[in-house]
Amino acid sequence: MSGMRIVEMVKENIKPSDILTRQSFENAIKVNCAIGGSTNAVIHLLAIAGRVGVPLKLDDFDTLGKDIPTIVNLMPAGEFLMEEFYYAGGLPVVIRALMMDDDGGINNHLHADAMTVSGMTLGDVVMADNAENFDDKVILPLERPLAHPPHLAVFKGGYDRCPNNGQVNLAPNGAVMKVSAASKHLLQHSGRAVVFEDIEDYKARIDDDDLDCDENSVLVLRNCGLRGYPGMAEVGNMALPAKILKKGIEDMVRISDARMSGTAFGTCVLHVSPESAVGGIISHVRDGDVITLDVNARTISMDISEEELEQRKLNWTPPPPPQSGYARLFHNRIEGPELGADFDFLKGCRGPAVPKYSH
């Protein structure tokens, strides 16, 4: 069916840019909040928007999601599985809930006039589909959500976003957290940093009984970003130290320049940018530095002076770049996660021009 519709769209001269509008991206951001979707959606939507020339920024995810509750009761934040979400009615039910209430009143959370691949507007699709919720324990009503907003939190800014002088923001270009999957008691937290230089260092030491940490510590994993790993692997939801797990502790604050799977749980600050491999602030964190997380204030900072930070920068040595091939191209031209983690030369529409024949 999808292939047939694509052919029809070509005949109807419906282009991707007709569907991938600012309104559609705003709808996607809000639906992702309602379903408790992955932080990976942030990167994907920013990248797609960049490819079609639609202005979309990291801050938009915070602004647009501030009023959208999470209504899908799925793991890891909830209790059900994706199969049960499907049988409850799936995404059409969620979209309908964001557009109208059970009595047919308008909720206005989404742009009803956004065009879809069907050739109909989203509002027309919702009216025609009349999606039914078959299990309101899986798909909850807006007034009785699984989690109140925000679903995602965006940390961004310089010294002005820190609570006071003497604190350095760890993510000047941005970082994200899936708040709906985090532990509420850790959303405001200060603790000593336990730093892992890379994923190999983490694996080698995390279960060492001599690891200097407790449940109040903040685990920091670096060199797992786009250039550092390379490729920004889904390792940001680090397993807790064995000696902490033995105490019955299930969560700790974790910070990294990596990603995390949408199926993962925990108080994890992800996509920290600039990343470690390019000399971001995270590359200068040392064991014992006090790190403070404040989700309400949207700050993630460490307690050192600007003078101390500048001295650490002088002592930092960048890792050697790849020498050749695709790895070098990737290293030189990839943009940060706050811009979509895409090649800079793929930004913007390139038009419908057909290249010359090669034979």
Foldseek 3Di string as FASTA:
>chain_A
DVVVLVVVCVVVVPDPLLQLAPQNLLLVLLLCQQQLFFPLVLLASLVVCQLAVYDDFSCSSVVLQQFHHHFFQDPPLHDDHPVVCVVQQHSLVSSLLCAAPPVRHGNPSGDQQRADSVRGGNVVVSVVCVTHGNDCVRGPHRVDGSGGDDQKFKAEAFPVLDPDAQKTFQANLIWMWRVSQADPVQQWAKAWEQEQAAVVSCVVPQQPPPRPDEQRYEYEHALQACLRVNPQEACQQPDHHPVRVVVVDDEHEYEYCHGHDSNDGYNTIYNRPPGLLVPGLSVQGDGGWMWTHHRVSSTIITRGHPVVSVVSSVVDDHDDQDDDDPSNQLNVAFDGSRSSRHGPVSGHHPDDDDDDDPD
